[in-house]
C-alpha cells in the first residue's frame, strides 16, 4: 500500500513540476503579418537573402506549431518576423534607390 501511495505522490509531483508553454498565437500572427508585408513590397525579388531566412523560419515555426512544440515554434516565429522586417526594409530601400514606385 505504501508503494502505491509513493508512486501516486511521485506522479503528482512530476505533473505539478512540469512547465507548460502556451501557444505562441501572437508571435504566429506577427510573423505572418511581417511575411505578408515583405511580400507586398516584392522582397523575394529585391531582398532574396533575408526573404529566404524569413520564409524558412516561418515554415519551421508552422511545423513546430503543428507538432505542438510551442517553445520551438515561438523562437522560429520571432526569427521569421525579424528576417521578414529586414527583407521588407531592404526591398523598400532598393526600390527607392532604383526609382521603382512603391
PDB file of N, CA and C in Angstrom:
ATOM      1  N   UNK A   1       0.820  -1.195   0.000  1.00  0.00           N
ATOM      2  CA  UNK A   1       0.000   0.000   0.000  1.00  0.00           C
ATOM      3  C   UNK A   1       0.865   1.260   0.000  1.00  0.00           C
ATOM      4  N   UNK A   2       1.963   1.235   0.782  1.00  0.00           N
ATOM      5  CA  UNK A   2       2.859   2.396   0.831  1.00  0.00           C
ATOM      6  C   UNK A   2       3.513   2.639  -0.523  1.00  0.00           C
ATOM      7  N   UNK A   3       3.796   1.570  -1.239  1.00  0.00           N
ATOM      8  CA  UNK A   3       4.400   1.703  -2.565  1.00  0.00           C
ATOM      9  C   UNK A   3       3.473   2.410  -3.536  1.00  0.00           C
ATOM     10  N   UNK A   4       2.196   2.098  -3.479  1.00  0.00           N
ATOM     11  CA  UNK A   4       1.209   2.734  -4.354  1.00  0.00           C
ATOM     12  C   UNK A   4       1.090   4.213  -4.022  1.00  0.00           C
ATOM     13  N   UNK A   5       1.054   4.537  -2.740  1.00  0.00           N
ATOM     14  CA  UNK A   5       0.966   5.934  -2.312  1.00  0.00           C
ATOM     15  C   UNK A   5       2.213   6.690  -2.742  1.00  0.00           C
ATOM     16  N   UNK A   6       3.381   6.068  -2.607  1.00  0.00           N
ATOM     17  CA  UNK A   6       4.630   6.716  -3.008  1.00  0.00           C
ATOM     18  C   UNK A   6       4.652   6.988  -4.504  1.00  0.00           C
ATOM     19  N   UNK A   7       4.196   6.024  -5.275  1.00  0.00           N
ATOM     20  CA  UNK A   7       4.135   6.209  -6.728  1.00  0.00           C
ATOM     21  C   UNK A   7       3.144   7.313  -7.077  1.00  0.00           C
ATOM     22  N   UNK A   8       1.993   7.327  -6.442  1.00  0.00           N
ATOM     23  CA  UNK A   8       0.981   8.352  -6.704  1.00  0.00           C
ATOM     24  C   UNK A   8       1.510   9.738  -6.359  1.00  0.00           C
ATOM     25  N   UNK A   9       2.175   9.861  -5.217  1.00  0.00           N
ATOM     26  CA  UNK A   9       2.743  11.149  -4.805  1.00  0.00           C
ATOM     27  C   UNK A   9       3.819  11.585  -5.795  1.00  0.00           C
ATOM     28  N   UNK A  10       4.645  10.662  -6.229  1.00  0.00           N
ATOM     29  CA  UNK A  10       5.696  10.985  -7.196  1.00  0.00           C
ATOM     30  C   UNK A  10       5.092  11.466  -8.512  1.00  0.00           C
ATOM     31  N   UNK A  11       4.065  10.803  -8.986  1.00  0.00           N
ATOM     32  CA  UNK A  11       3.412  11.211 -10.234  1.00  0.00           C
ATOM     33  C   UNK A  11       2.788  12.600 -10.106  1.00  0.00           C
ATOM     34  N   UNK A  12       2.159  12.857  -8.996  1.00  0.00           N
ATOM     35  CA  UNK A  12       1.555  14.182  -8.775  1.00  0.00           C
ATOM     36  C   UNK A  12       2.643  15.243  -8.763  1.00  0.00           C
ATOM     37  N   UNK A  13       3.754  14.972  -8.107  1.00  0.00           N
ATOM     38  CA  UNK A  13       4.859  15.934  -8.046  1.00  0.00           C
ATOM     39  C   UNK A  13       5.424  16.196  -9.448  1.00  0.00           C
ATOM     40  N   UNK A  14       5.539  15.150 -10.232  1.00  0.00           N
ATOM     41  CA  UNK A  14       6.034  15.322 -11.595  1.00  0.00           C
ATOM     42  C   UNK A  14       5.081  16.153 -12.436  1.00  0.00           C
ATOM     43  N   UNK A  15       3.800  15.890 -12.310  1.00  0.00           N
ATOM     44  CA  UNK A  15       2.815  16.643 -13.087  1.00  0.00           C
ATOM     45  C   UNK A  15       2.764  18.099 -12.667  1.00  0.00           C
ATOM     46  N   UNK A  16       2.866  18.359 -11.374  1.00  0.00           N
ATOM     47  CA  UNK A  16       2.846  19.736 -10.880  1.00  0.00           C
ATOM     48  C   UNK A  16       4.120  20.457 -11.296  1.00  0.00           C
ATOM     49  N   UNK A  17       5.230  19.740 -11.341  1.00  0.00           N
ATOM     50  CA  UNK A  17       6.509  20.342 -11.673  1.00  0.00           C
ATOM     51  C   UNK A  17       6.700  20.630 -13.149  1.00  0.00           C
ATOM     52  N   UNK A  18       5.898  20.034 -13.996  1.00  0.00           N
ATOM     53  CA  UNK A  18       6.030  20.249 -15.438  1.00  0.00           C
ATOM     54  C   UNK A  18       5.571  21.657 -15.791  1.00  0.00           C
ATOM     55  N   UNK A  19       6.367  22.313 -16.578  1.00  0.00           N
ATOM     56  CA  UNK A  19       6.010  23.645 -17.017  1.00  0.00           C
ATOM     57  C   UNK A  19       5.425  23.544 -18.417  1.00  0.00           C
ATOM     58  N   UNK A  20       4.259  24.099 -18.589  1.00  0.00           N
ATOM     59  CA  UNK A  20       3.648  24.065 -19.911  1.00  0.00           C
ATOM     60  C   UNK A  20       3.888  25.404 -20.605  1.00  0.00           C
ATOM     61  N   UNK A  21       4.096  25.332 -21.891  1.00  0.00           N
ATOM     62  CA  UNK A  21       4.320  26.528 -22.693  1.00  0.00           C
ATOM     63  C   UNK A  21       3.031  26.828 -23.442  1.00  0.00           C
ATOM     64  N   UNK A  22       2.585  28.059 -23.344  1.00  0.00           N
ATOM     65  CA  UNK A  22       1.347  28.424 -24.028  1.00  0.00           C
ATOM     66  C   UNK A  22       1.582  28.536 -25.533  1.00  0.00           C
ATOM     67  N   UNK A  23       0.506  28.468 -26.264  1.00  0.00           N
ATOM     68  CA  UNK A  23       0.588  28.562 -27.719  1.00  0.00           C
ATOM     69  C   UNK A  23       1.068  29.961 -28.120  1.00  0.00           C
ATOM     70  N   UNK A  24       2.022  30.055 -29.027  1.00  0.00           N
ATOM     71  CA  UNK A  24       2.554  31.360 -29.439  1.00  0.00           C
ATOM     72  C   UNK A  24       1.679  32.017 -30.521  1.00  0.00           C
ATOM     73  N   UNK A  25       0.441  32.270 -30.184  1.00  0.00           N
ATOM     74  CA  UNK A  25      -0.505  32.814 -31.161  1.00  0.00           C
ATOM     75  C   UNK A  25      -0.098  34.217 -31.608  1.00  0.00           C
ATOM     76  N   UNK A  26       0.302  35.047 -30.657  1.00  0.00           N
ATOM     77  CA  UNK A  26       0.701  36.414 -31.019  1.00  0.00           C
ATOM     78  C   UNK A  26       1.929  36.406 -31.922  1.00  0.00           C
ATOM     79  N   UNK A  27       2.922  35.588 -31.583  1.00  0.00           N
ATOM     80  CA  UNK A  27       4.130  35.509 -32.395  1.00  0.00           C
ATOM     81  C   UNK A  27       3.828  34.988 -33.799  1.00  0.00           C
ATOM     82  N   UNK A  28       2.913  34.010 -33.865  1.00  0.00           N
ATOM     83  CA  UNK A  28       2.492  33.453 -35.151  1.00  0.00           C
ATOM     84  C   UNK A  28       1.859  34.548 -36.006  1.00  0.00           C
ATOM     85  N   UNK A  29       0.951  35.302 -35.415  1.00  0.00           N
ATOM     86  CA  UNK A  29       0.245  36.365 -36.146  1.00  0.00           C
ATOM     87  C   UNK A  29       1.194  37.467 -36.601  1.00  0.00           C
ATOM     88  N   UNK A  30       2.095  37.866 -35.720  1.00  0.00           N
ATOM     89  CA  UNK A  30       3.036  38.927 -36.084  1.00  0.00           C
ATOM     90  C   UNK A  30       3.998  38.476 -37.174  1.00  0.00           C
ATOM     91  N   UNK A  31       4.432  37.231 -37.103  1.00  0.00           N
ATOM     92  CA  UNK A  31       5.318  36.705 -38.146  1.00  0.00           C
ATOM     93  C   UNK A  31       4.591  36.649 -39.487  1.00  0.00           C
ATOM     94  N   UNK A  32       3.339  36.189 -39.464  1.00  0.00           N
ATOM     95  CA  UNK A  32       2.559  36.120 -40.704  1.00  0.00           C
ATOM     96  C   UNK A  32       2.364  37.515 -41.299  1.00  0.00           C
ATOM     97  N   UNK A  33       2.072  38.504 -40.456  1.00  0.00           N
ATOM     98  CA  UNK A  33       1.885  39.878 -40.932  1.00  0.00           C
ATOM     99  C   UNK A  33       3.178  40.429 -41.527  1.00  0.00           C
ATOM    100  N   UNK A  34       4.304  40.127 -40.889  1.00  0.00           N
ATOM    101  CA  UNK A  34       5.591  40.599 -41.405  1.00  0.00           C
ATOM    102  C   UNK A  34       5.919  39.948 -42.739  1.00  0.00           C
ATOM    103  N   UNK A  35       5.609  38.667 -42.871  1.00  0.00           N
ATOM    104  CA  UNK A  35       5.825  37.948 -44.137  1.00  0.00           C
ATOM    105  C   UNK A  35       4.968  38.575 -45.239  1.00  0.00           C
ATOM    106  N   UNK A  36       3.719  38.844 -44.936  1.00  0.00           N
ATOM    107  CA  UNK A  36       2.820  39.436 -45.930  1.00  0.00           C
ATOM    108  C   UNK A  36       3.274  40.837 -46.328  1.00  0.00           C
ATOM    109  N   UNK A  37       3.744  41.625 -45.359  1.00  0.00           N
ATOM    110  CA  UNK A  37       4.228  42.970 -45.662  1.00  0.00           C
ATOM    111  C   UNK A  37       5.470  42.914 -46.544  1.00  0.00           C
ATOM    112  N   UNK A  38       6.347  41.964 -46.262  1.00  0.00           N
ATOM    113  CA  UNK A  38       7.552  41.812 -47.084  1.00  0.00           C
ATOM    114  C   UNK A  38       7.192  41.379 -48.500  1.00  0.00           C
ATOM    115  N   UNK A  39       6.238  40.469 -48.600  1.00  0.00           N
ATOM    116  CA  UNK A  39       5.799  40.003 -49.915  1.00  0.00           C
ATOM    117  C   UNK A  39       5.175  41.154 -50.716  1.00  0.00           C
ATOM    118  N   UNK A  40       4.476  42.051 -50.024  1.00  0.00           N
ATOM    119  CA  UNK A  40       3.785  43.164 -50.694  1.00  0.00           C
ATOM    120  C   UNK A  40       4.758  44.128 -51.369  1.00  0.00           C
ATOM    121  N   UNK A  41       5.990  44.226 -50.846  1.00  0.00           N
ATOM    122  CA  UNK A  41       6.978  45.114 -51.470  1.00  0.00           C
ATOM    123  C   UNK A  41       7.978  44.326 -52.317  1.00  0.00           C
ATOM    124  N   UNK A  42       7.598  43.110 -52.682  1.00  0.00           N
ATOM    125  CA  UNK A  42       8.389  42.247 -53.553  1.00  0.00           C
ATOM    126  C   UNK A  42       9.760  41.901 -52.962  1.00  0.00           C
ATOM    127  N   UNK A  43       9.768  41.605 -51.682  1.00  0.00           N
ATOM    128  CA  UNK A  43      11.016  41.230 -51.011  1.00  0.00           C
ATOM    129  C   UNK A  43      11.660  39.980 -51.603  1.00  0.00           C
ATOM    130  N   UNK A  44      10.879  38.979 -52.039  1.00  0.00           N
ATOM    131  CA  UNK A  44      11.552  37.811 -52.633  1.00  0.00           C
ATOM    132  C   UNK A  44      12.426  38.184 -53.833  1.00  0.00           C
ATOM    133  N   UNK A  45      12.027  39.205 -54.550  1.00  0.00           N
ATOM    134  CA  UNK A  45      12.775  39.628 -55.731  1.00  0.00           C
ATOM    135  C   UNK A  45      13.926  40.571 -55.378  1.00  0.00           C
ATOM    136  N   UNK A  46      13.658  41.518 -54.471  1.00  0.00           N
ATOM    137  CA  UNK A  46      14.648  42.561 -54.174  1.00  0.00           C
ATOM    138  C   UNK A  46      15.566  42.243 -53.007  1.00  0.00           C
ATOM    139  N   UNK A  47      15.160  41.365 -52.127  1.00  0.00           N
ATOM    140  CA  UNK A  47      15.981  41.024 -50.962  1.00  0.00           C
ATOM    141  C   UNK A  47      15.885  39.517 -50.696  1.00  0.00           C
ATOM    142  N   UNK A  48      16.383  38.712 -51.630  1.00  0.00           N
ATOM    143  CA  UNK A  48      16.190  37.265 -51.526  1.00  0.00           C
ATOM    144  C   UNK A  48      16.857  36.615 -50.315  1.00  0.00           C
ATOM    145  N   UNK A  49      17.961  37.164 -49.838  1.00  0.00           N
ATOM    146  CA  UNK A  49      18.652  36.572 -48.692  1.00  0.00           C
ATOM    147  C   UNK A  49      17.804  36.632 -47.429  1.00  0.00           C
ATOM    148  N   UNK A  50      17.363  37.834 -47.091  1.00  0.00           N
ATOM    149  CA  UNK A  50      16.516  37.989 -45.906  1.00  0.00           C
ATOM    150  C   UNK A  50      15.175  37.272 -46.106  1.00  0.00           C
ATOM    151  N   UNK A  51      14.664  37.338 -47.326  1.00  0.00           N
ATOM    152  CA  UNK A  51      13.382  36.677 -47.590  1.00  0.00           C
ATOM    153  C   UNK A  51      13.485  35.174 -47.348  1.00  0.00           C
ATOM    154  N   UNK A  52      14.543  34.566 -47.823  1.00  0.00           N
ATOM    155  CA  UNK A  52      14.714  33.128 -47.641  1.00  0.00           C
ATOM    156  C   UNK A  52      14.793  32.782 -46.147  1.00  0.00           C
ATOM    157  N   UNK A  53      15.540  33.590 -45.385  1.00  0.00           N
ATOM    158  CA  UNK A  53      15.630  33.367 -43.939  1.00  0.00           C
ATOM    159  C   UNK A  53      14.246  33.445 -43.295  1.00  0.00           C
ATOM    160  N   UNK A  54      13.485  34.461 -43.668  1.00  0.00           N
ATOM    161  CA  UNK A  54      12.157  34.652 -43.094  1.00  0.00           C
ATOM    162  C   UNK A  54      11.225  33.512 -43.473  1.00  0.00           C
ATOM    163  N   UNK A  55      11.228  33.152 -44.736  1.00  0.00           N
ATOM    164  CA  UNK A  55      10.342  32.097 -45.226  1.00  0.00           C
ATOM    165  C   UNK A  55      10.669  30.753 -44.577  1.00  0.00           C
ATOM    166  N   UNK A  56      11.949  30.449 -44.455  1.00  0.00           N
ATOM    167  CA  UNK A  56      12.362  29.182 -43.852  1.00  0.00           C
ATOM    168  C   UNK A  56      12.018  29.136 -42.361  1.00  0.00           C
ATOM    169  N   UNK A  57      12.276  30.211 -41.649  1.00  0.00           N
ATOM    170  CA  UNK A  57      11.955  30.248 -40.213  1.00  0.00           C
ATOM    171  C   UNK A  57      10.449  30.151 -39.995  1.00  0.00           C
ATOM    172  N   UNK A  58       9.674  30.811 -40.846  1.00  0.00           N
ATOM    173  CA  UNK A  58       8.215  30.752 -40.732  1.00  0.00           C
ATOM    174  C   UNK A  58       7.718  29.333 -41.000  1.00  0.00           C
ATOM    175  N   UNK A  59       8.300  28.678 -41.985  1.00  0.00           N
ATOM    176  CA  UNK A  59       7.924  27.301 -42.297  1.00  0.00           C
ATOM    177  C   UNK A  59       8.246  26.385 -41.120  1.00  0.00           C
ATOM    178  N   UNK A  60       9.426  26.560 -40.545  1.00  0.00           N
ATOM    179  CA  UNK A  60       9.807  25.748 -39.393  1.00  0.00           C
ATOM    180  C   UNK A  60       8.887  26.022 -38.196  1.00  0.00           C
ATOM    181  N   UNK A  61       8.520  27.275 -38.024  1.00  0.00           N
ATOM    182  CA  UNK A  61       7.610  27.632 -36.941  1.00  0.00           C
ATOM    183  C   UNK A  61       6.249  26.983 -37.105  1.00  0.00           C
ATOM    184  N   UNK A  62       5.747  26.979 -38.325  1.00  0.00           N
ATOM    185  CA  UNK A  62       4.447  26.346 -38.580  1.00  0.00           C
ATOM    186  C   UNK A  62       4.501  24.844 -38.318  1.00  0.00           C
ATOM    187  N   UNK A  63       5.601  24.203 -38.713  1.00  0.00           N
ATOM    188  CA  UNK A  63       5.737  22.769 -38.456  1.00  0.00           C
ATOM    189  C   UNK A  63       5.818  22.482 -36.956  1.00  0.00           C
ATOM    190  N   UNK A  64       6.596  23.281 -36.239  1.00  0.00           N
ATOM    191  CA  UNK A  64       6.716  23.086 -34.789  1.00  0.00           C
ATOM    192  C   UNK A  64       5.382  23.354 -34.104  1.00  0.00           C
ATOM    193  N   UNK A  65       4.657  24.348 -34.576  1.00  0.00           N
ATOM    194  CA  UNK A  65       3.343  24.664 -34.013  1.00  0.00           C
ATOM    195  C   UNK A  65       2.380  23.498 -34.228  1.00  0.00           C
ATOM    196  N   UNK A  66       2.412  22.954 -35.421  1.00  0.00           N
ATOM    197  CA  UNK A  66       1.557  21.808 -35.739  1.00  0.00           C
ATOM    198  C   UNK A  66       1.891  20.613 -34.848  1.00  0.00           C
ATOM    199  N   UNK A  67       3.182  20.439 -34.535  1.00  0.00           N
ATOM    200  CA  UNK A  67       3.630  19.340 -33.674  1.00  0.00           C
ATOM    201  C   UNK A  67       3.488  19.676 -32.186  1.00  0.00           C
ATOM    202  N   UNK A  68       2.937  20.838 -31.890  1.00  0.00           N
ATOM    203  CA  UNK A  68       2.725  21.311 -30.506  1.00  0.00           C
ATOM    204  C   UNK A  68       4.033  21.534 -29.754  1.00  0.00           C
ATOM    205  N   UNK A  69       5.086  21.804 -30.484  1.00  0.00           N
ATOM    206  CA  UNK A  69       6.362  22.170 -29.872  1.00  0.00           C
ATOM    207  C   UNK A  69       6.386  23.699 -29.823  1.00  0.00           C
ATOM    208  N   UNK A  70       5.657  24.246 -28.859  1.00  0.00           N
ATOM    209  CA  UNK A  70       5.396  25.680 -28.836  1.00  0.00           C
ATOM    210  C   UNK A  70       6.628  26.522 -28.530  1.00  0.00           C
ATOM    211  N   UNK A  71       7.546  25.997 -27.777  1.00  0.00           N
ATOM    212  CA  UNK A  71       8.768  26.736 -27.483  1.00  0.00           C
ATOM    213  C   UNK A  71       9.589  26.925 -28.762  1.00  0.00           C
ATOM    214  N   UNK A  72       9.752  25.863 -29.511  1.00  0.00           N
ATOM    215  CA  UNK A  72      10.486  25.931 -30.779  1.00  0.00           C
ATOM    216  C   UNK A  72       9.730  26.811 -31.781  1.00  0.00           C
ATOM    217  N   UNK A  73       8.418  26.691 -31.802  1.00  0.00           N
ATOM    218  CA  UNK A  73       7.605  27.499 -32.714  1.00  0.00           C
ATOM    219  C   UNK A  73       7.756  28.980 -32.403  1.00  0.00           C
ATOM    220  N   UNK A  74       7.709  29.335 -31.121  1.00  0.00           N
ATOM    221  CA  UNK A  74       7.850  30.744 -30.713  1.00  0.00           C
ATOM    222  C   UNK A  74       9.190  31.299 -31.202  1.00  0.00           C
ATOM    223  N   UNK A  75      10.264  30.558 -30.979  1.00  0.00           N
ATOM    224  CA  UNK A  75      11.588  31.014 -31.414  1.00  0.00           C
ATOM    225  C   UNK A  75      11.642  31.193 -32.937  1.00  0.00           C
ATOM    226  N   UNK A  76      11.077  30.242 -33.661  1.00  0.00           N
ATOM    227  CA  UNK A  76      11.091  30.316 -35.128  1.00  0.00           C
ATOM    228  C   UNK A  76      10.256  31.491 -35.630  1.00  0.00           C
ATOM    229  N   UNK A  77       9.102  31.733 -35.010  1.00  0.00           N
ATOM    230  CA  UNK A  77       8.256  32.853 -35.434  1.00  0.00           C
ATOM    231  C   UNK A  77       8.938  34.193 -35.165  1.00  0.00           C
ATOM    232  N   UNK A  78       9.627  34.301 -34.036  1.00  0.00           N
ATOM    233  CA  UNK A  78      10.355  35.540 -33.747  1.00  0.00           C
ATOM    234  C   UNK A  78      11.466  35.759 -34.768  1.00  0.00           C
ATOM    235  N   UNK A  79      12.172  34.696 -35.110  1.00  0.00           N
ATOM    236  CA  UNK A  79      13.231  34.790 -36.119  1.00  0.00           C
ATOM    237  C   UNK A  79      12.639  35.161 -37.478  1.00  0.00           C
ATOM    238  N   UNK A  80      11.506  34.561 -37.826  1.00  0.00           N
ATOM    239  CA  UNK A  80      10.848  34.859 -39.100  1.00  0.00           C
ATOM    240  C   UNK A  80      10.406  36.313 -39.163  1.00  0.00           C
ATOM    241  N   UNK A  81       9.860  36.803 -38.080  1.00  0.00           N
ATOM    242  CA  UNK A  81       9.399  38.199 -38.030  1.00  0.00           C
ATOM    243  C   UNK A  81      10.561  39.157 -38.249  1.00  0.00           C
ATOM    244  N   UNK A  82      11.662  38.922 -37.545  1.00  0.00           N
ATOM    245  CA  UNK A  82      12.819  39.811 -37.682  1.00  0.00           C
ATOM    246  C   UNK A  82      13.384  39.768 -39.094  1.00  0.00           C
ATOM    247  N   UNK A  83      13.514  38.579 -39.666  1.00  0.00           N
ATOM    248  CA  UNK A  83      14.060  38.467 -41.026  1.00  0.00           C
ATOM    249  C   UNK A  83      13.106  39.072 -42.050  1.00  0.00           C
ATOM    250  N   UNK A  84      11.807  38.905 -41.857  1.00  0.00           N
ATOM    251  CA  UNK A  84      10.829  39.482 -42.787  1.00  0.00           C
ATOM    252  C   UNK A  84      10.857  41.008 -42.730  1.00  0.00           C
ATOM    253  N   UNK A  85      11.018  41.553 -41.531  1.00  0.00           N
ATOM    254  CA  UNK A  85      11.111  43.009 -41.412  1.00  0.00           C
ATOM    255  C   UNK A  85      12.370  43.532 -42.097  1.00  0.00           C
ATOM    256  N   UNK A  86      13.477  42.800 -41.954  1.00  0.00           N
ATOM    257  CA  UNK A  86      14.711  43.189 -42.645  1.00  0.00           C
ATOM    258  C   UNK A  86      14.526  43.096 -44.158  1.00  0.00           C
ATOM    259  N   UNK A  87      13.864  42.041 -44.609  1.00  0.00           N
ATOM    260  CA  UNK A  87      13.610  41.874 -46.044  1.00  0.00           C
ATOM    261  C   UNK A  87      12.741  43.004 -46.570  1.00  0.00           C
ATOM    262  N   UNK A  88      11.715  43.353 -45.820  1.00  0.00           N
ATOM    263  CA  UNK A  88      10.827  44.444 -46.246  1.00  0.00           C
ATOM    264  C   UNK A  88      11.586  45.762 -46.327  1.00  0.00           C
ATOM    265  N   UNK A  89      12.330  46.081 -45.283  1.00  0.00           N
ATOM    266  CA  UNK A  89      13.082  47.343 -45.271  1.00  0.00           C
ATOM    267  C   UNK A  89      14.117  47.389 -46.383  1.00  0.00           C
ATOM    268  N   UNK A  90      14.822  46.290 -46.577  1.00  0.00           N
ATOM    269  CA  UNK A  90      15.826  46.222 -47.624  1.00  0.00           C
ATOM    270  C   UNK A  90      15.188  46.390 -49.002  1.00  0.00           C
ATOM    271  N   UNK A  91      14.080  45.715 -49.227  1.00  0.00           N
ATOM    272  CA  UNK A  91      13.386  45.819 -50.519  1.00  0.00           C
ATOM    273  C   UNK A  91      12.894  47.240 -50.758  1.00  0.00           C
ATOM    274  N   UNK A  92      12.368  47.864 -49.713  1.00  0.00           N
ATOM    275  CA  UNK A  92      11.907  49.256 -49.860  1.00  0.00           C
ATOM    276  C   UNK A  92      13.059  50.178 -50.245  1.00  0.00           C
ATOM    277  N   UNK A  93      14.198  50.021 -49.583  1.00  0.00           N
ATOM    278  CA  UNK A  93      15.364  50.857 -49.899  1.00  0.00           C
ATOM    279  C   UNK A  93      15.841  50.628 -51.324  1.00  0.00           C
ATOM    280  N   UNK A  94      15.927  49.380 -51.720  1.00  0.00           N
ATOM    281  CA  UNK A  94      16.380  49.067 -53.079  1.00  0.00           C
ATOM    282  C   UNK A  94      15.407  49.636 -54.111  1.00  0.00           C
ATOM    283  N   UNK A  95      14.126  49.474 -53.862  1.00  0.00           N
ATOM    284  CA  UNK A  95      13.133  50.005 -54.804  1.00  0.00           C
ATOM    285  C   UNK A  95      13.189  51.525 -54.861  1.00  0.00           C
ATOM    286  N   UNK A  96      13.439  52.155 -53.722  1.00  0.00           N
ATOM    287  CA  UNK A  96      13.526  53.619 -53.699  1.00  0.00           C
ATOM    288  C   UNK A  96      14.755  54.091 -54.472  1.00  0.00           C
ATOM    289  N   UNK A  97      15.885  53.409 -54.301  1.00  0.00           N
ATOM    290  CA  UNK A  97      17.114  53.781 -54.998  1.00  0.00           C
ATOM    291  C   UNK A  97      16.996  53.615 -56.496  1.00  0.00           C
ATOM    292  N   UNK A  98      16.276  52.595 -56.924  1.00  0.00           N
ATOM    293  CA  UNK A  98      16.145  52.345 -58.362  1.00  0.00           C
ATOM    294  C   UNK A  98      15.002  53.128 -58.988  1.00  0.00           C
ATOM    295  N   UNK A  99      14.245  53.849 -58.158  1.00  0.00           N
ATOM    296  CA  UNK A  99      13.142  54.644 -58.685  1.00  0.00           C
ATOM    297  C   UNK A  99      11.887  53.834 -58.917  1.00  0.00           C
ATOM    298  N   UNK A 100      11.856  52.622 -58.443  1.00  0.00           N
ATOM    299  CA  UNK A 100      10.671  51.776 -58.562  1.00  0.00           C
ATOM    300  C   UNK A 100       9.588  52.336 -57.627  1.00  0.00           C
ATOM    301  N   UNK A 101       8.401  52.467 -58.135  1.00  0.00           N
ATOM    302  CA  UNK A 101       7.294  53.037 -57.357  1.00  0.00           C
ATOM    303  C   UNK A 101       6.832  52.028 -56.334  1.00  0.00           C
ATOM    304  N   UNK A 102       6.672  52.506 -55.094  1.00  0.00           N
ATOM    305  CA  UNK A 102       6.200  51.625 -54.019  1.00  0.00           C
ATOM    306  C   UNK A 102       4.713  51.590 -54.011  1.00  0.00           C
TER     307      UNK A 102
END
